[in-house]
């Protein structure tokens, strides 16, 4: 979708709607003021949904299809449309690790143990 909806989880009312020129493939929530968007234009964006402000953007080699946030390590795992996978710092989007993958990544989940 090219739209992000901010929904009240108590009432299920749509409180805000944000429309973009690119498809949003993945969302990782860090806090009420910070979410990460994995986008079809090969970018990861940090976004404050309460203010409606894009904070930061970084471009990668392929569209981002999966994001997972590790609260314990404060790291963002990102996987692209093909074999791209990175562990990124949430402060500056710099790669911390580049796990190798020769297979296409379809989904990603971080367990409590990391």
PDB file of N, CA and C in Angstrom:
ATOM      1  N   UNK A   1       0.835  -1.189   0.000  1.00  0.00           N
ATOM      2  CA  UNK A   1       0.000   0.000   0.000  1.00  0.00           C
ATOM      3  C   UNK A   1       0.873   1.244   0.000  1.00  0.00           C
ATOM      4  N   UNK A   2       0.353   2.331  -0.496  1.00  0.00           N
ATOM      5  CA  UNK A   2       1.053   3.618  -0.492  1.00  0.00           C
ATOM      6  C   UNK A   2       0.529   4.503   0.619  1.00  0.00           C
ATOM      7  N   UNK A   3      -0.074   3.876   1.619  1.00  0.00           N
ATOM      8  CA  UNK A   3      -0.741   4.619   2.678  1.00  0.00           C
ATOM      9  C   UNK A   3      -0.383   4.029   4.037  1.00  0.00           C
ATOM     10  N   UNK A   4      -0.160   4.905   5.012  1.00  0.00           N
ATOM     11  CA  UNK A   4       0.014   4.492   6.406  1.00  0.00           C
ATOM     12  C   UNK A   4      -1.168   5.045   7.183  1.00  0.00           C
ATOM     13  N   UNK A   5      -1.824   4.172   7.938  1.00  0.00           N
ATOM     14  CA  UNK A   5      -2.951   4.578   8.769  1.00  0.00           C
ATOM     15  C   UNK A   5      -2.540   4.533  10.227  1.00  0.00           C
ATOM     16  N   UNK A   6      -2.834   5.573  10.967  1.00  0.00           N
ATOM     17  CA  UNK A   6      -2.619   5.594  12.411  1.00  0.00           C
ATOM     18  C   UNK A   6      -3.969   5.273  13.040  1.00  0.00           C
ATOM     19  N   UNK A   7      -4.055   4.087  13.673  1.00  0.00           N
ATOM     20  CA  UNK A   7      -5.324   3.577  14.193  1.00  0.00           C
ATOM     21  C   UNK A   7      -5.282   3.526  15.709  1.00  0.00           C
ATOM     22  N   UNK A   8      -6.338   4.016  16.348  1.00  0.00           N
ATOM     23  CA  UNK A   8      -6.480   3.943  17.793  1.00  0.00           C
ATOM     24  C   UNK A   8      -6.819   2.499  18.152  1.00  0.00           C
ATOM     25  N   UNK A   9      -5.949   1.829  18.933  1.00  0.00           N
ATOM     26  CA  UNK A   9      -6.156   0.408  19.220  1.00  0.00           C
ATOM     27  C   UNK A   9      -7.294   0.157  20.200  1.00  0.00           C
ATOM     28  N   UNK A  10      -7.740   1.181  20.891  1.00  0.00           N
ATOM     29  CA  UNK A  10      -8.883   1.009  21.814  1.00  0.00           C
ATOM     30  C   UNK A  10     -10.224   1.093  21.080  1.00  0.00           C
ATOM     31  N   UNK A  11     -10.310   2.028  20.146  1.00  0.00           N
ATOM     32  CA  UNK A  11     -11.581   2.257  19.451  1.00  0.00           C
ATOM     33  C   UNK A  11     -11.577   1.747  18.006  1.00  0.00           C
ATOM     34  N   UNK A  12     -10.416   1.427  17.475  1.00  0.00           N
ATOM     35  CA  UNK A  12     -10.231   1.032  16.073  1.00  0.00           C
ATOM     36  C   UNK A  12     -10.582   2.146  15.099  1.00  0.00           C
ATOM     37  N   UNK A  13     -10.627   3.378  15.578  1.00  0.00           N
ATOM     38  CA  UNK A  13     -10.855   4.527  14.706  1.00  0.00           C
ATOM     39  C   UNK A  13      -9.561   4.899  13.989  1.00  0.00           C
ATOM     40  N   UNK A  14      -9.680   5.290  12.726  1.00  0.00           N
ATOM     41  CA  UNK A  14      -8.531   5.800  11.988  1.00  0.00           C
ATOM     42  C   UNK A  14      -8.332   7.253  12.392  1.00  0.00           C
ATOM     43  N   UNK A  15      -7.185   7.545  12.997  1.00  0.00           N
ATOM     44  CA  UNK A  15      -6.925   8.903  13.482  1.00  0.00           C
ATOM     45  C   UNK A  15      -6.202   9.766  12.458  1.00  0.00           C
ATOM     46  N   UNK A  16      -5.305   9.147  11.683  1.00  0.00           N
ATOM     47  CA  UNK A  16      -4.572   9.901  10.661  1.00  0.00           C
ATOM     48  C   UNK A  16      -4.294   8.989   9.479  1.00  0.00           C
ATOM     49  N   UNK A  17      -4.177   9.599   8.307  1.00  0.00           N
ATOM     50  CA  UNK A  17      -3.854   8.878   7.082  1.00  0.00           C
ATOM     51  C   UNK A  17      -2.705   9.620   6.406  1.00  0.00           C
ATOM     52  N   UNK A  18      -1.667   8.877   6.046  1.00  0.00           N
ATOM     53  CA  UNK A  18      -0.531   9.456   5.334  1.00  0.00           C
ATOM     54  C   UNK A  18      -0.404   8.742   3.997  1.00  0.00           C
ATOM     55  N   UNK A  19      -0.373   9.501   2.895  1.00  0.00           N
ATOM     56  CA  UNK A  19      -0.241   8.940   1.550  1.00  0.00           C
ATOM     57  C   UNK A  19       1.148   9.262   0.989  1.00  0.00           C
ATOM     58  N   UNK A  20       1.718   8.279   0.249  1.00  0.00           N
ATOM     59  CA  UNK A  20       3.057   8.438  -0.297  1.00  0.00           C
ATOM     60  C   UNK A  20       3.081   8.051  -1.768  1.00  0.00           C
ATOM     61  N   UNK A  21       4.185   8.380  -2.442  1.00  0.00           N
ATOM     62  CA  UNK A  21       4.362   8.078  -3.857  1.00  0.00           C
ATOM     63  C   UNK A  21       4.998   6.711  -4.081  1.00  0.00           C
ATOM     64  N   UNK A  22       5.291   5.991  -3.032  1.00  0.00           N
ATOM     65  CA  UNK A  22       5.952   4.689  -3.121  1.00  0.00           C
ATOM     66  C   UNK A  22       5.178   3.694  -2.257  1.00  0.00           C
ATOM     67  N   UNK A  23       5.355   2.423  -2.549  1.00  0.00           N
ATOM     68  CA  UNK A  23       4.669   1.386  -1.790  1.00  0.00           C
ATOM     69  C   UNK A  23       5.441   1.078  -0.516  1.00  0.00           C
ATOM     70  N   UNK A  24       4.719   0.949   0.575  1.00  0.00           N
ATOM     71  CA  UNK A  24       5.322   0.595   1.864  1.00  0.00           C
ATOM     72  C   UNK A  24       5.131  -0.907   2.040  1.00  0.00           C
ATOM     73  N   UNK A  25       6.243  -1.636   2.029  1.00  0.00           N
ATOM     74  CA  UNK A  25       6.212  -3.095   2.108  1.00  0.00           C
ATOM     75  C   UNK A  25       6.315  -3.618   3.532  1.00  0.00           C
ATOM     76  N   UNK A  26       6.925  -2.854   4.431  1.00  0.00           N
ATOM     77  CA  UNK A  26       7.162  -3.356   5.791  1.00  0.00           C
ATOM     78  C   UNK A  26       7.179  -2.197   6.784  1.00  0.00           C
ATOM     79  N   UNK A  27       6.730  -2.494   8.005  1.00  0.00           N
ATOM     80  CA  UNK A  27       6.755  -1.514   9.090  1.00  0.00           C
ATOM     81  C   UNK A  27       7.322  -2.189  10.327  1.00  0.00           C
ATOM     82  N   UNK A  28       8.232  -1.501  11.012  1.00  0.00           N
ATOM     83  CA  UNK A  28       8.753  -1.970  12.300  1.00  0.00           C
ATOM     84  C   UNK A  28       8.537  -0.846  13.307  1.00  0.00           C
ATOM     85  N   UNK A  29       7.851  -1.152  14.403  1.00  0.00           N
ATOM     86  CA  UNK A  29       7.535  -0.145  15.413  1.00  0.00           C
ATOM     87  C   UNK A  29       8.570  -0.171  16.527  1.00  0.00           C
ATOM     88  N   UNK A  30       9.093   1.002  16.865  1.00  0.00           N
ATOM     89  CA  UNK A  30      10.040   1.143  17.963  1.00  0.00           C
ATOM     90  C   UNK A  30       9.341   1.763  19.163  1.00  0.00           C
ATOM     91  N   UNK A  31       8.586   2.819  18.930  1.00  0.00           N
ATOM     92  CA  UNK A  31       7.867   3.524  19.996  1.00  0.00           C
ATOM     93  C   UNK A  31       6.705   4.273  19.346  1.00  0.00           C
ATOM     94  N   UNK A  32       5.835   4.910  20.156  1.00  0.00           N
ATOM     95  CA  UNK A  32       4.753   5.704  19.545  1.00  0.00           C
ATOM     96  C   UNK A  32       5.266   6.837  18.650  1.00  0.00           C
ATOM     97  N   UNK A  33       6.511   7.268  18.875  1.00  0.00           N
ATOM     98  CA  UNK A  33       7.071   8.369  18.087  1.00  0.00           C
ATOM     99  C   UNK A  33       8.058   7.917  17.017  1.00  0.00           C
ATOM    100  N   UNK A  34       8.274   6.603  16.873  1.00  0.00           N
ATOM    101  CA  UNK A  34       9.258   6.158  15.884  1.00  0.00           C
ATOM    102  C   UNK A  34       8.860   4.814  15.278  1.00  0.00           C
ATOM    103  N   UNK A  35       8.645   4.835  13.974  1.00  0.00           N
ATOM    104  CA  UNK A  35       8.481   3.592  13.233  1.00  0.00           C
ATOM    105  C   UNK A  35       9.414   3.644  12.021  1.00  0.00           C
ATOM    106  N   UNK A  36       9.770   2.467  11.528  1.00  0.00           N
ATOM    107  CA  UNK A  36      10.582   2.372  10.318  1.00  0.00           C
ATOM    108  C   UNK A  36       9.711   1.822   9.204  1.00  0.00           C
ATOM    109  N   UNK A  37       9.878   2.387   8.023  1.00  0.00           N
ATOM    110  CA  UNK A  37       9.126   1.966   6.850  1.00  0.00           C
ATOM    111  C   UNK A  37      10.098   1.373   5.832  1.00  0.00           C
ATOM    112  N   UNK A  38       9.814   0.169   5.364  1.00  0.00           N
ATOM    113  CA  UNK A  38      10.580  -0.446   4.285  1.00  0.00           C
ATOM    114  C   UNK A  38       9.835  -0.203   2.989  1.00  0.00           C
ATOM    115  N   UNK A  39      10.471   0.455   2.036  1.00  0.00           N
ATOM    116  CA  UNK A  39       9.750   0.996   0.885  1.00  0.00           C
ATOM    117  C   UNK A  39      10.196   0.396  -0.450  1.00  0.00           C
ATOM    118  N   UNK A  40       9.298   0.485  -1.428  1.00  0.00           N
ATOM    119  CA  UNK A  40       9.534  -0.065  -2.758  1.00  0.00           C
ATOM    120  C   UNK A  40      10.576   0.726  -3.545  1.00  0.00           C
ATOM    121  N   UNK A  41      10.870   1.944  -3.128  1.00  0.00           N
ATOM    122  CA  UNK A  41      11.867   2.757  -3.838  1.00  0.00           C
ATOM    123  C   UNK A  41      13.273   2.532  -3.284  1.00  0.00           C
ATOM    124  N   UNK A  42      13.482   1.397  -2.643  1.00  0.00           N
ATOM    125  CA  UNK A  42      14.770   0.951  -2.113  1.00  0.00           C
ATOM    126  C   UNK A  42      15.218   1.743  -0.893  1.00  0.00           C
ATOM    127  N   UNK A  43      14.276   2.335  -0.195  1.00  0.00           N
ATOM    128  CA  UNK A  43      14.631   3.140   0.970  1.00  0.00           C
ATOM    129  C   UNK A  43      14.032   2.575   2.250  1.00  0.00           C
ATOM    130  N   UNK A  44      14.758   2.830   3.341  1.00  0.00           N
ATOM    131  CA  UNK A  44      14.214   2.661   4.685  1.00  0.00           C
ATOM    132  C   UNK A  44      14.072   4.068   5.237  1.00  0.00           C
ATOM    133  N   UNK A  45      12.894   4.348   5.770  1.00  0.00           N
ATOM    134  CA  UNK A  45      12.637   5.671   6.319  1.00  0.00           C
ATOM    135  C   UNK A  45      12.246   5.548   7.781  1.00  0.00           C
ATOM    136  N   UNK A  46      12.728   6.485   8.602  1.00  0.00           N
ATOM    137  CA  UNK A  46      12.242   6.576   9.978  1.00  0.00           C
ATOM    138  C   UNK A  46      11.186   7.668  10.003  1.00  0.00           C
ATOM    139  N   UNK A  47      10.141   7.422  10.781  1.00  0.00           N
ATOM    140  CA  UNK A  47       8.935   8.226  10.688  1.00  0.00           C
ATOM    141  C   UNK A  47       8.331   8.409  12.070  1.00  0.00           C
ATOM    142  N   UNK A  48       7.903   9.624  12.383  1.00  0.00           N
ATOM    143  CA  UNK A  48       7.174   9.911  13.622  1.00  0.00           C
ATOM    144  C   UNK A  48       5.692  10.003  13.257  1.00  0.00           C
ATOM    145  N   UNK A  49       4.906   8.943  13.561  1.00  0.00           N
ATOM    146  CA  UNK A  49       3.508   8.950  13.128  1.00  0.00           C
ATOM    147  C   UNK A  49       2.642   9.953  13.879  1.00  0.00           C
ATOM    148  N   UNK A  50       3.021  10.331  15.077  1.00  0.00           N
ATOM    149  CA  UNK A  50       2.206  11.282  15.834  1.00  0.00           C
ATOM    150  C   UNK A  50       2.348  12.700  15.293  1.00  0.00           C
ATOM    151  N   UNK A  51       3.503  13.016  14.740  1.00  0.00           N
ATOM    152  CA  UNK A  51       3.729  14.339  14.154  1.00  0.00           C
ATOM    153  C   UNK A  51       3.605  14.330  12.640  1.00  0.00           C
ATOM    154  N   UNK A  52       3.629  13.137  12.040  1.00  0.00           N
ATOM    155  CA  UNK A  52       3.560  13.036  10.586  1.00  0.00           C
ATOM    156  C   UNK A  52       4.847  13.441   9.908  1.00  0.00           C
ATOM    157  N   UNK A  53       5.981  13.289  10.594  1.00  0.00           N
ATOM    158  CA  UNK A  53       7.264  13.751  10.070  1.00  0.00           C
ATOM    159  C   UNK A  53       8.169  12.583   9.706  1.00  0.00           C
ATOM    160  N   UNK A  54       8.739  12.652   8.496  1.00  0.00           N
ATOM    161  CA  UNK A  54       9.819  11.752   8.127  1.00  0.00           C
ATOM    162  C   UNK A  54      11.078  12.283   8.775  1.00  0.00           C
ATOM    163  N   UNK A  55      11.810  11.399   9.438  1.00  0.00           N
ATOM    164  CA  UNK A  55      13.020  11.826  10.134  1.00  0.00           C
ATOM    165  C   UNK A  55      14.267  11.606   9.288  1.00  0.00           C
ATOM    166  N   UNK A  56      14.374  10.417   8.704  1.00  0.00           N
ATOM    167  CA  UNK A  56      15.601  10.024   8.030  1.00  0.00           C
ATOM    168  C   UNK A  56      15.297   9.033   6.933  1.00  0.00           C
ATOM    169  N   UNK A  57      16.160   8.971   5.938  1.00  0.00           N
ATOM    170  CA  UNK A  57      15.964   8.048   4.833  1.00  0.00           C
ATOM    171  C   UNK A  57      17.322   7.562   4.353  1.00  0.00           C
ATOM    172  N   UNK A  58      17.385   6.285   3.990  1.00  0.00           N
ATOM    173  CA  UNK A  58      18.627   5.748   3.447  1.00  0.00           C
ATOM    174  C   UNK A  58      18.297   4.773   2.327  1.00  0.00           C
ATOM    175  N   UNK A  59      19.065   4.828   1.253  1.00  0.00           N
ATOM    176  CA  UNK A  59      18.790   4.017   0.062  1.00  0.00           C
ATOM    177  C   UNK A  59      19.672   2.770   0.037  1.00  0.00           C
ATOM    178  N   UNK A  60      19.083   1.659  -0.430  1.00  0.00           N
ATOM    179  CA  UNK A  60      19.784   0.387  -0.495  1.00  0.00           C
ATOM    180  C   UNK A  60      19.709  -0.179  -1.907  1.00  0.00           C
ATOM    181  N   UNK A  61      20.186  -1.395  -2.104  1.00  0.00           N
ATOM    182  CA  UNK A  61      20.351  -1.942  -3.451  1.00  0.00           C
ATOM    183  C   UNK A  61      19.082  -2.560  -4.027  1.00  0.00           C
ATOM    184  N   UNK A  62      18.059  -2.743  -3.235  1.00  0.00           N
ATOM    185  CA  UNK A  62      16.815  -3.316  -3.740  1.00  0.00           C
ATOM    186  C   UNK A  62      15.661  -2.900  -2.841  1.00  0.00           C
ATOM    187  N   UNK A  63      14.414  -3.054  -3.305  1.00  0.00           N
ATOM    188  CA  UNK A  63      13.266  -2.707  -2.463  1.00  0.00           C
ATOM    189  C   UNK A  63      13.303  -3.473  -1.135  1.00  0.00           C
ATOM    190  N   UNK A  64      12.913  -2.809  -0.063  1.00  0.00           N
ATOM    191  CA  UNK A  64      12.910  -3.423   1.266  1.00  0.00           C
ATOM    192  C   UNK A  64      11.558  -4.085   1.489  1.00  0.00           C
ATOM    193  N   UNK A  65      11.572  -5.382   1.782  1.00  0.00           N
ATOM    194  CA  UNK A  65      10.324  -6.129   1.934  1.00  0.00           C
ATOM    195  C   UNK A  65      10.045  -6.558   3.370  1.00  0.00           C
ATOM    196  N   UNK A  66      11.058  -6.621   4.216  1.00  0.00           N
ATOM    197  CA  UNK A  66      10.876  -7.068   5.596  1.00  0.00           C
ATOM    198  C   UNK A  66      11.707  -6.212   6.538  1.00  0.00           C
ATOM    199  N   UNK A  67      11.114  -5.868   7.681  1.00  0.00           N
ATOM    200  CA  UNK A  67      11.823  -5.171   8.747  1.00  0.00           C
ATOM    201  C   UNK A  67      11.467  -5.831  10.068  1.00  0.00           C
ATOM    202  N   UNK A  68      12.442  -5.911  10.964  1.00  0.00           N
ATOM    203  CA  UNK A  68      12.195  -6.408  12.316  1.00  0.00           C
ATOM    204  C   UNK A  68      13.098  -5.626  13.262  1.00  0.00           C
ATOM    205  N   UNK A  69      12.533  -5.133  14.340  1.00  0.00           N
ATOM    206  CA  UNK A  69      13.281  -4.334  15.312  1.00  0.00           C
ATOM    207  C   UNK A  69      13.584  -5.177  16.538  1.00  0.00           C
ATOM    208  N   UNK A  70      14.858  -5.208  16.939  1.00  0.00           N
ATOM    209  CA  UNK A  70      15.278  -5.914  18.146  1.00  0.00           C
ATOM    210  C   UNK A  70      15.418  -4.881  19.259  1.00  0.00           C
ATOM    211  N   UNK A  71      14.470  -4.875  20.184  1.00  0.00           N
ATOM    212  CA  UNK A  71      14.450  -3.873  21.249  1.00  0.00           C
ATOM    213  C   UNK A  71      15.648  -3.999  22.186  1.00  0.00           C
ATOM    214  N   UNK A  72      16.081  -5.221  22.437  1.00  0.00           N
ATOM    215  CA  UNK A  72      17.201  -5.446  23.359  1.00  0.00           C
ATOM    216  C   UNK A  72      18.499  -4.848  22.839  1.00  0.00           C
ATOM    217  N   UNK A  73      18.791  -5.043  21.558  1.00  0.00           N
ATOM    218  CA  UNK A  73      20.045  -4.556  20.978  1.00  0.00           C
ATOM    219  C   UNK A  73      19.886  -3.210  20.266  1.00  0.00           C
ATOM    220  N   UNK A  74      18.630  -2.740  20.118  1.00  0.00           N
ATOM    221  CA  UNK A  74      18.334  -1.485  19.404  1.00  0.00           C
ATOM    222  C   UNK A  74      18.795  -1.550  17.954  1.00  0.00           C
ATOM    223  N   UNK A  75      18.664  -2.727  17.347  1.00  0.00           N
ATOM    224  CA  UNK A  75      19.070  -2.919  15.966  1.00  0.00           C
ATOM    225  C   UNK A  75      17.855  -3.213  15.096  1.00  0.00           C
ATOM    226  N   UNK A  76      17.966  -2.812  13.841  1.00  0.00           N
ATOM    227  CA  UNK A  76      16.921  -3.032  12.860  1.00  0.00           C
ATOM    228  C   UNK A  76      17.428  -4.039  11.836  1.00  0.00           C
ATOM    229  N   UNK A  77      16.691  -5.125  11.669  1.00  0.00           N
ATOM    230  CA  UNK A  77      17.012  -6.112  10.642  1.00  0.00           C
ATOM    231  C   UNK A  77      16.187  -5.770   9.410  1.00  0.00           C
ATOM    232  N   UNK A  78      16.853  -5.720   8.264  1.00  0.00           N
ATOM    233  CA  UNK A  78      16.183  -5.367   7.016  1.00  0.00           C
ATOM    234  C   UNK A  78      16.478  -6.431   5.967  1.00  0.00           C
ATOM    235  N   UNK A  79      15.440  -6.848   5.245  1.00  0.00           N
ATOM    236  CA  UNK A  79      15.615  -7.798   4.148  1.00  0.00           C
ATOM    237  C   UNK A  79      14.957  -7.226   2.910  1.00  0.00           C
ATOM    238  N   UNK A  80      15.638  -7.414   1.801  1.00  0.00           N
ATOM    239  CA  UNK A  80      15.148  -6.870   0.543  1.00  0.00           C
ATOM    240  C   UNK A  80      14.322  -7.869  -0.242  1.00  0.00           C
ATOM    241  N   UNK A  81      14.048  -7.510  -1.481  1.00  0.00           N
ATOM    242  CA  UNK A  81      13.201  -8.326  -2.347  1.00  0.00           C
ATOM    243  C   UNK A  81      13.886  -9.633  -2.732  1.00  0.00           C
ATOM    244  N   UNK A  82      15.204  -9.673  -2.697  1.00  0.00           N
ATOM    245  CA  UNK A  82      15.920 -10.883  -3.104  1.00  0.00           C
ATOM    246  C   UNK A  82      16.744 -11.427  -1.942  1.00  0.00           C
ATOM    247  N   UNK A  83      18.070 -11.338  -2.019  1.00  0.00           N
ATOM    248  CA  UNK A  83      18.910 -11.940  -0.977  1.00  0.00           C
ATOM    249  C   UNK A  83      19.547 -10.900  -0.058  1.00  0.00           C
ATOM    250  N   UNK A  84      19.192  -9.640  -0.208  1.00  0.00           N
ATOM    251  CA  UNK A  84      19.735  -8.553   0.611  1.00  0.00           C
ATOM    252  C   UNK A  84      19.261  -8.703   2.057  1.00  0.00           C
ATOM    253  N   UNK A  85      20.188  -8.720   3.003  1.00  0.00           N
ATOM    254  CA  UNK A  85      19.820  -8.686   4.417  1.00  0.00           C
ATOM    255  C   UNK A  85      20.901  -7.912   5.170  1.00  0.00           C
ATOM    256  N   UNK A  86      20.470  -7.025   6.047  1.00  0.00           N
ATOM    257  CA  UNK A  86      21.402  -6.200   6.825  1.00  0.00           C
ATOM    258  C   UNK A  86      20.878  -6.051   8.249  1.00  0.00           C
ATOM    259  N   UNK A  87      21.824  -5.933   9.180  1.00  0.00           N
ATOM    260  CA  UNK A  87      21.506  -5.532  10.543  1.00  0.00           C
ATOM    261  C   UNK A  87      22.003  -4.100  10.656  1.00  0.00           C
ATOM    262  N   UNK A  88      21.090  -3.173  10.971  1.00  0.00           N
ATOM    263  CA  UNK A  88      21.401  -1.750  10.910  1.00  0.00           C
ATOM    264  C   UNK A  88      21.290  -1.084  12.273  1.00  0.00           C
ATOM    265  N   UNK A  89      22.090  -0.057  12.480  1.00  0.00           N
ATOM    266  CA  UNK A  89      21.950   0.808  13.640  1.00  0.00           C
ATOM    267  C   UNK A  89      20.720   1.678  13.436  1.00  0.00           C
ATOM    268  N   UNK A  90      19.871   1.792  14.441  1.00  0.00           N
ATOM    269  CA  UNK A  90      18.689   2.647  14.308  1.00  0.00           C
ATOM    270  C   UNK A  90      19.048   4.128  14.430  1.00  0.00           C
ATOM    271  N   UNK A  91      20.253   4.437  14.861  1.00  0.00           N
ATOM    272  CA  UNK A  91      20.678   5.825  14.989  1.00  0.00           C
ATOM    273  C   UNK A  91      21.065   6.435  13.644  1.00  0.00           C
ATOM    274  N   UNK A  92      21.810   5.661  12.827  1.00  0.00           N
ATOM    275  CA  UNK A  92      22.336   6.250  11.597  1.00  0.00           C
ATOM    276  C   UNK A  92      22.176   5.350  10.364  1.00  0.00           C
ATOM    277  N   UNK A  93      21.475   4.216  10.511  1.00  0.00           N
ATOM    278  CA  UNK A  93      21.240   3.258   9.420  1.00  0.00           C
ATOM    279  C   UNK A  93      22.531   2.637   8.892  1.00  0.00           C
ATOM    280  N   UNK A  94      23.636   2.751   9.631  1.00  0.00           N
ATOM    281  CA  UNK A  94      24.883   2.134   9.202  1.00  0.00           C
ATOM    282  C   UNK A  94      24.812   0.634   9.443  1.00  0.00           C
ATOM    283  N   UNK A  95      25.318  -0.188   8.503  1.00  0.00           N
ATOM    284  CA  UNK A  95      25.305  -1.641   8.702  1.00  0.00           C
ATOM    285  C   UNK A  95      26.199  -2.058   9.869  1.00  0.00           C
ATOM    286  N   UNK A  96      25.657  -2.898  10.734  1.00  0.00           N
ATOM    287  CA  UNK A  96      26.409  -3.478  11.840  1.00  0.00           C
ATOM    288  C   UNK A  96      26.880  -4.868  11.436  1.00  0.00           C
ATOM    289  N   UNK A  97      26.064  -5.557  10.679  1.00  0.00           N
ATOM    290  CA  UNK A  97      26.400  -6.895  10.188  1.00  0.00           C
ATOM    291  C   UNK A  97      25.687  -7.121   8.865  1.00  0.00           C
ATOM    292  N   UNK A  98      26.259  -8.023   8.080  1.00  0.00           N
ATOM    293  CA  UNK A  98      25.673  -8.389   6.799  1.00  0.00           C
ATOM    294  C   UNK A  98      25.611  -9.914   6.726  1.00  0.00           C
ATOM    295  N   UNK A  99      24.569 -10.508   7.313  1.00  0.00           N
ATOM    296  CA  UNK A  99      24.456 -11.970   7.227  1.00  0.00           C
ATOM    297  C   UNK A  99      24.353 -12.401   5.768  1.00  0.00           C
ATOM    298  N   UNK A 100      25.056 -13.476   5.420  1.00  0.00           N
ATOM    299  CA  UNK A 100      25.003 -13.911   4.024  1.00  0.00           C
ATOM    300  C   UNK A 100      23.739 -14.720   3.774  1.00  0.00           C
ATOM    301  N   UNK A 101      23.190 -14.531   2.602  1.00  0.00           N
ATOM    302  CA  UNK A 101      22.004 -15.268   2.198  1.00  0.00           C
ATOM    303  C   UNK A 101      22.067 -15.497   0.703  1.00  0.00           C
ATOM    304  N   UNK A 102      21.837 -16.729   0.303  1.00  0.00           N
ATOM    305  CA  UNK A 102      21.776 -17.025  -1.122  1.00  0.00           C
ATOM    306  C   UNK A 102      20.345 -17.328  -1.544  1.00  0.00           C
ATOM    307  N   UNK A 103      19.455 -17.346  -0.572  1.00  0.00           N
ATOM    308  CA  UNK A 103      18.044 -17.617  -0.850  1.00  0.00           C
ATOM    309  C   UNK A 103      17.234 -16.341  -0.727  1.00  0.00           C
ATOM    310  N   UNK A 104      16.131 -16.295  -1.407  1.00  0.00           N
ATOM    311  CA  UNK A 104      15.219 -15.157  -1.321  1.00  0.00           C
ATOM    312  C   UNK A 104      14.576 -15.127   0.063  1.00  0.00           C
ATOM    313  N   UNK A 105      14.503 -13.939   0.683  1.00  0.00           N
ATOM    314  CA  UNK A 105      13.920 -13.772   2.015  1.00  0.00           C
ATOM    315  C   UNK A 105      12.441 -13.447   1.842  1.00  0.00           C
ATOM    316  N   UNK A 106      11.560 -14.289   2.361  1.00  0.00           N
ATOM    317  CA  UNK A 106      10.124 -14.054   2.231  1.00  0.00           C
ATOM    318  C   UNK A 106       9.519 -13.430   3.478  1.00  0.00           C
ATOM    319  N   UNK A 107      10.036 -13.773   4.651  1.00  0.00           N
ATOM    320  CA  UNK A 107       9.544 -13.166   5.889  1.00  0.00           C
ATOM    321  C   UNK A 107      10.637 -13.270   6.932  1.00  0.00           C
ATOM    322  N   UNK A 108      10.497 -12.465   7.985  1.00  0.00           N
ATOM    323  CA  UNK A 108      11.518 -12.401   9.008  1.00  0.00           C
ATOM    324  C   UNK A 108      10.853 -12.147  10.345  1.00  0.00           C
ATOM    325  N   UNK A 109      11.339 -12.825  11.374  1.00  0.00           N
ATOM    326  CA  UNK A 109      10.803 -12.660  12.721  1.00  0.00           C
ATOM    327  C   UNK A 109      11.952 -12.791  13.698  1.00  0.00           C
ATOM    328  N   UNK A 110      12.041 -11.894  14.676  1.00  0.00           N
ATOM    329  CA  UNK A 110      13.048 -11.986  15.724  1.00  0.00           C
ATOM    330  C   UNK A 110      12.411 -12.529  16.978  1.00  0.00           C
ATOM    331  N   UNK A 111      12.950 -13.597  17.511  1.00  0.00           N
ATOM    332  CA  UNK A 111      12.425 -14.169  18.753  1.00  0.00           C
ATOM    333  C   UNK A 111      12.946 -13.341  19.922  1.00  0.00           C
ATOM    334  N   UNK A 112      12.440 -13.604  21.122  1.00  0.00           N
ATOM    335  CA  UNK A 112      12.851 -12.836  22.301  1.00  0.00           C
ATOM    336  C   UNK A 112      14.325 -13.036  22.605  1.00  0.00           C
ATOM    337  N   UNK A 113      14.887 -14.154  22.213  1.00  0.00           N
ATOM    338  CA  UNK A 113      16.311 -14.406  22.470  1.00  0.00           C
ATOM    339  C   UNK A 113      17.199 -13.792  21.399  1.00  0.00           C
ATOM    340  N   UNK A 114      16.603 -13.063  20.437  1.00  0.00           N
ATOM    341  CA  UNK A 114      17.375 -12.399  19.404  1.00  0.00           C
ATOM    342  C   UNK A 114      17.399 -13.216  18.152  1.00  0.00           C
TER     343      UNK A 114
END
